[in-house]
N, C-alpha and C. Protein backbone atom coordinates (compact mmCIF):
# COMPACT_ATOMS: atom_id res chain seq x y z
N MET A 1 0.84 -1.18 0.00
CA MET A 1 0.00 0.00 0.00
C MET A 1 0.89 1.25 0.00
N VAL A 2 0.54 2.21 -0.81
CA VAL A 2 1.25 3.48 -0.83
C VAL A 2 0.76 4.32 0.34
N PHE A 3 1.67 4.73 1.19
CA PHE A 3 1.32 5.53 2.36
C PHE A 3 2.36 6.64 2.47
N ASP A 4 2.47 7.45 1.40
CA ASP A 4 3.46 8.52 1.35
C ASP A 4 2.92 9.80 1.98
N ARG A 5 3.71 10.87 1.91
CA ARG A 5 3.33 12.13 2.56
C ARG A 5 1.96 12.64 2.14
N THR A 6 1.64 12.54 0.87
CA THR A 6 0.35 13.05 0.37
C THR A 6 -0.82 12.29 0.99
N VAL A 7 -0.73 10.97 1.02
CA VAL A 7 -1.79 10.14 1.59
C VAL A 7 -1.92 10.39 3.09
N VAL A 8 -0.78 10.44 3.78
CA VAL A 8 -0.79 10.65 5.23
C VAL A 8 -1.36 12.03 5.56
N ALA A 9 -0.94 13.06 4.86
CA ALA A 9 -1.44 14.42 5.13
C ALA A 9 -2.96 14.49 4.94
N ALA A 10 -3.47 13.81 3.93
CA ALA A 10 -4.92 13.79 3.71
C ALA A 10 -5.64 13.06 4.84
N GLN A 11 -5.06 11.96 5.33
CA GLN A 11 -5.69 11.22 6.41
C GLN A 11 -5.59 11.96 7.74
N VAL A 12 -4.50 12.71 7.94
CA VAL A 12 -4.37 13.53 9.15
C VAL A 12 -5.45 14.61 9.15
N SER A 13 -5.62 15.30 8.04
CA SER A 13 -6.61 16.37 7.98
C SER A 13 -8.03 15.84 8.08
N ALA A 14 -8.26 14.59 7.66
CA ALA A 14 -9.58 13.99 7.77
C ALA A 14 -9.84 13.39 9.15
N GLY A 15 -8.79 13.30 9.99
CA GLY A 15 -8.95 12.78 11.34
C GLY A 15 -8.81 11.27 11.45
N PHE A 16 -8.26 10.62 10.45
CA PHE A 16 -8.11 9.16 10.48
C PHE A 16 -6.83 8.70 11.18
N ILE A 17 -5.87 9.60 11.38
CA ILE A 17 -4.60 9.26 12.02
C ILE A 17 -4.63 9.72 13.47
N VAL A 18 -4.28 8.82 14.39
CA VAL A 18 -4.31 9.12 15.81
C VAL A 18 -2.93 9.53 16.34
N ASN A 19 -1.88 8.84 15.88
CA ASN A 19 -0.55 9.05 16.45
C ASN A 19 0.52 8.69 15.43
N ALA A 20 1.68 9.31 15.60
CA ALA A 20 2.86 8.96 14.83
C ALA A 20 3.85 8.26 15.76
N ILE A 21 4.43 7.17 15.29
CA ILE A 21 5.36 6.38 16.09
C ILE A 21 6.67 6.25 15.30
N ILE A 22 7.76 6.66 15.92
CA ILE A 22 9.08 6.50 15.32
C ILE A 22 9.78 5.39 16.09
N ARG A 23 10.23 4.38 15.37
CA ARG A 23 10.88 3.25 16.02
C ARG A 23 12.07 2.79 15.19
N LEU A 24 12.94 2.01 15.81
CA LEU A 24 14.07 1.44 15.10
C LEU A 24 13.56 0.40 14.10
N ALA A 25 14.18 0.35 12.94
CA ALA A 25 13.79 -0.63 11.92
C ALA A 25 14.13 -2.03 12.40
N ASP A 26 13.31 -3.00 12.03
CA ASP A 26 13.50 -4.38 12.46
C ASP A 26 14.74 -5.01 11.86
N ASP A 27 14.99 -4.75 10.60
CA ASP A 27 16.06 -5.46 9.90
C ASP A 27 17.35 -4.67 9.74
N GLN A 28 17.39 -3.44 10.20
CA GLN A 28 18.58 -2.61 10.07
C GLN A 28 18.93 -1.99 11.41
N LYS A 29 20.20 -1.94 11.74
CA LYS A 29 20.60 -1.46 13.05
C LYS A 29 20.53 0.06 13.19
N ALA A 30 20.93 0.79 12.17
CA ALA A 30 21.02 2.24 12.29
C ALA A 30 19.96 2.96 11.47
N ALA A 31 18.78 2.38 11.39
CA ALA A 31 17.71 2.99 10.61
C ALA A 31 16.44 3.13 11.45
N TRP A 32 15.67 4.13 11.13
CA TRP A 32 14.41 4.40 11.82
C TRP A 32 13.26 4.25 10.84
N VAL A 33 12.10 3.88 11.36
CA VAL A 33 10.88 3.72 10.56
C VAL A 33 9.80 4.59 11.19
N LEU A 34 8.97 5.17 10.35
CA LEU A 34 7.88 6.02 10.81
C LEU A 34 6.56 5.31 10.56
N GLU A 35 5.80 5.06 11.64
CA GLU A 35 4.49 4.42 11.55
C GLU A 35 3.42 5.42 11.96
N PHE A 36 2.24 5.22 11.40
CA PHE A 36 1.09 6.04 11.79
C PHE A 36 -0.02 5.13 12.28
N ALA A 37 -0.52 5.42 13.48
CA ALA A 37 -1.62 4.66 14.05
C ALA A 37 -2.92 5.31 13.61
N ARG A 38 -3.80 4.50 13.03
CA ARG A 38 -5.08 5.00 12.54
C ARG A 38 -6.18 4.72 13.55
N VAL A 39 -7.30 5.38 13.41
CA VAL A 39 -8.41 5.21 14.35
C VAL A 39 -9.02 3.81 14.28
N ASP A 40 -8.86 3.11 13.17
CA ASP A 40 -9.42 1.76 13.06
C ASP A 40 -8.50 0.69 13.66
N GLY A 41 -7.36 1.13 14.26
CA GLY A 41 -6.45 0.21 14.93
C GLY A 41 -5.29 -0.28 14.08
N ASP A 42 -5.31 0.01 12.79
CA ASP A 42 -4.20 -0.40 11.92
C ASP A 42 -3.03 0.57 12.04
N ASN A 43 -1.84 0.05 11.83
CA ASN A 43 -0.63 0.86 11.75
C ASN A 43 -0.08 0.73 10.34
N ASN A 44 0.29 1.85 9.74
CA ASN A 44 0.90 1.85 8.42
C ASN A 44 2.22 2.57 8.49
N CYS A 45 3.24 2.03 7.83
CA CYS A 45 4.55 2.66 7.76
C CYS A 45 4.59 3.65 6.60
N MET A 46 5.33 4.71 6.79
CA MET A 46 5.54 5.68 5.72
C MET A 46 6.29 5.00 4.59
N THR A 47 5.87 5.25 3.36
CA THR A 47 6.53 4.70 2.19
C THR A 47 7.18 5.82 1.38
N TYR A 48 8.03 5.42 0.47
CA TYR A 48 8.60 6.40 -0.47
C TYR A 48 7.49 6.88 -1.40
N ALA A 49 7.66 8.04 -1.98
CA ALA A 49 6.64 8.64 -2.84
C ALA A 49 6.23 7.70 -3.97
N ARG A 50 4.94 7.42 -4.05
CA ARG A 50 4.32 6.59 -5.08
C ARG A 50 4.88 5.18 -5.16
N ARG A 51 5.45 4.69 -4.07
CA ARG A 51 5.97 3.31 -4.03
C ARG A 51 5.41 2.60 -2.80
N THR A 52 5.59 1.31 -2.77
CA THR A 52 5.07 0.54 -1.63
C THR A 52 6.16 0.13 -0.64
N CYS A 53 7.43 0.40 -0.95
CA CYS A 53 8.50 0.00 -0.02
C CYS A 53 8.60 0.99 1.14
N VAL A 54 8.87 0.47 2.32
CA VAL A 54 8.92 1.27 3.55
C VAL A 54 10.10 2.23 3.52
N LYS A 55 9.84 3.46 3.87
CA LYS A 55 10.88 4.49 3.91
C LYS A 55 11.65 4.37 5.23
N THR A 56 12.98 4.35 5.15
CA THR A 56 13.79 4.31 6.35
C THR A 56 14.55 5.63 6.47
N TYR A 57 14.83 6.00 7.70
CA TYR A 57 15.50 7.27 8.00
C TYR A 57 16.81 6.98 8.71
N LYS A 58 17.84 7.77 8.43
CA LYS A 58 19.14 7.59 9.09
C LYS A 58 19.12 8.10 10.51
N THR A 59 18.29 9.11 10.78
CA THR A 59 18.21 9.67 12.13
C THR A 59 16.75 9.83 12.55
N CYS A 60 16.55 9.92 13.83
CA CYS A 60 15.21 10.16 14.37
C CYS A 60 14.72 11.55 13.96
N ASP A 61 15.63 12.52 13.90
CA ASP A 61 15.26 13.88 13.49
C ASP A 61 14.72 13.92 12.07
N ALA A 62 15.27 13.11 11.20
CA ALA A 62 14.77 13.06 9.82
C ALA A 62 13.33 12.56 9.78
N ALA A 63 13.02 11.58 10.61
CA ALA A 63 11.65 11.07 10.69
C ALA A 63 10.72 12.14 11.27
N LEU A 64 11.21 12.89 12.26
CA LEU A 64 10.40 13.97 12.84
C LEU A 64 10.08 15.05 11.81
N THR A 65 10.97 15.27 10.86
CA THR A 65 10.71 16.23 9.80
C THR A 65 9.48 15.82 9.00
N ASP A 66 9.37 14.52 8.66
CA ASP A 66 8.19 14.04 7.94
C ASP A 66 6.94 14.10 8.82
N VAL A 67 7.09 13.85 10.12
CA VAL A 67 5.94 13.94 11.03
C VAL A 67 5.35 15.34 10.98
N HIS A 68 6.20 16.34 11.09
CA HIS A 68 5.71 17.72 11.08
C HIS A 68 5.23 18.14 9.69
N ALA A 69 5.82 17.58 8.65
CA ALA A 69 5.42 17.93 7.28
C ALA A 69 4.00 17.48 6.96
N VAL A 70 3.54 16.40 7.59
CA VAL A 70 2.18 15.92 7.32
C VAL A 70 1.15 16.52 8.28
N GLY A 71 1.61 17.31 9.24
CA GLY A 71 0.66 18.03 10.09
C GLY A 71 0.44 17.47 11.47
N ILE A 72 1.31 16.60 11.94
CA ILE A 72 1.18 16.06 13.29
C ILE A 72 2.12 16.82 14.21
N LYS A 73 1.62 17.21 15.37
CA LYS A 73 2.42 18.03 16.30
C LYS A 73 3.41 17.24 17.13
N LYS A 74 3.03 16.04 17.59
CA LYS A 74 3.88 15.22 18.46
C LYS A 74 3.98 13.79 17.93
N ALA A 75 5.09 13.14 18.27
CA ALA A 75 5.27 11.74 17.87
C ALA A 75 5.80 10.96 19.06
N THR A 76 5.50 9.67 19.10
CA THR A 76 6.04 8.78 20.11
C THR A 76 7.29 8.14 19.54
N VAL A 77 8.39 8.18 20.31
CA VAL A 77 9.65 7.59 19.87
C VAL A 77 9.92 6.36 20.72
N LEU A 78 10.03 5.21 20.05
CA LEU A 78 10.32 3.95 20.73
C LEU A 78 11.78 3.61 20.51
N MET A 79 12.53 3.48 21.57
CA MET A 79 13.97 3.26 21.46
C MET A 79 14.34 1.78 21.39
N SER A 80 13.43 0.88 21.64
CA SER A 80 13.79 -0.53 21.61
C SER A 80 12.97 -1.30 20.59
């Protein structure tokens, strides 16, 4: 599923996104993944523009940039 900035921003403005979660990637040691928790209980990871592969970030700050770009004020950061 494509879940890029455009899709996420539309769902944030419609009220379908509850929270943003930044966590360490499962398969990479020095990468971060950005997930969005929806009101229906599903979590979707941010993808690259118009693609279905999960976008990874080198730093937590880079993920926070996308969080603020889609219109979310706060994010939960999971360190483990």
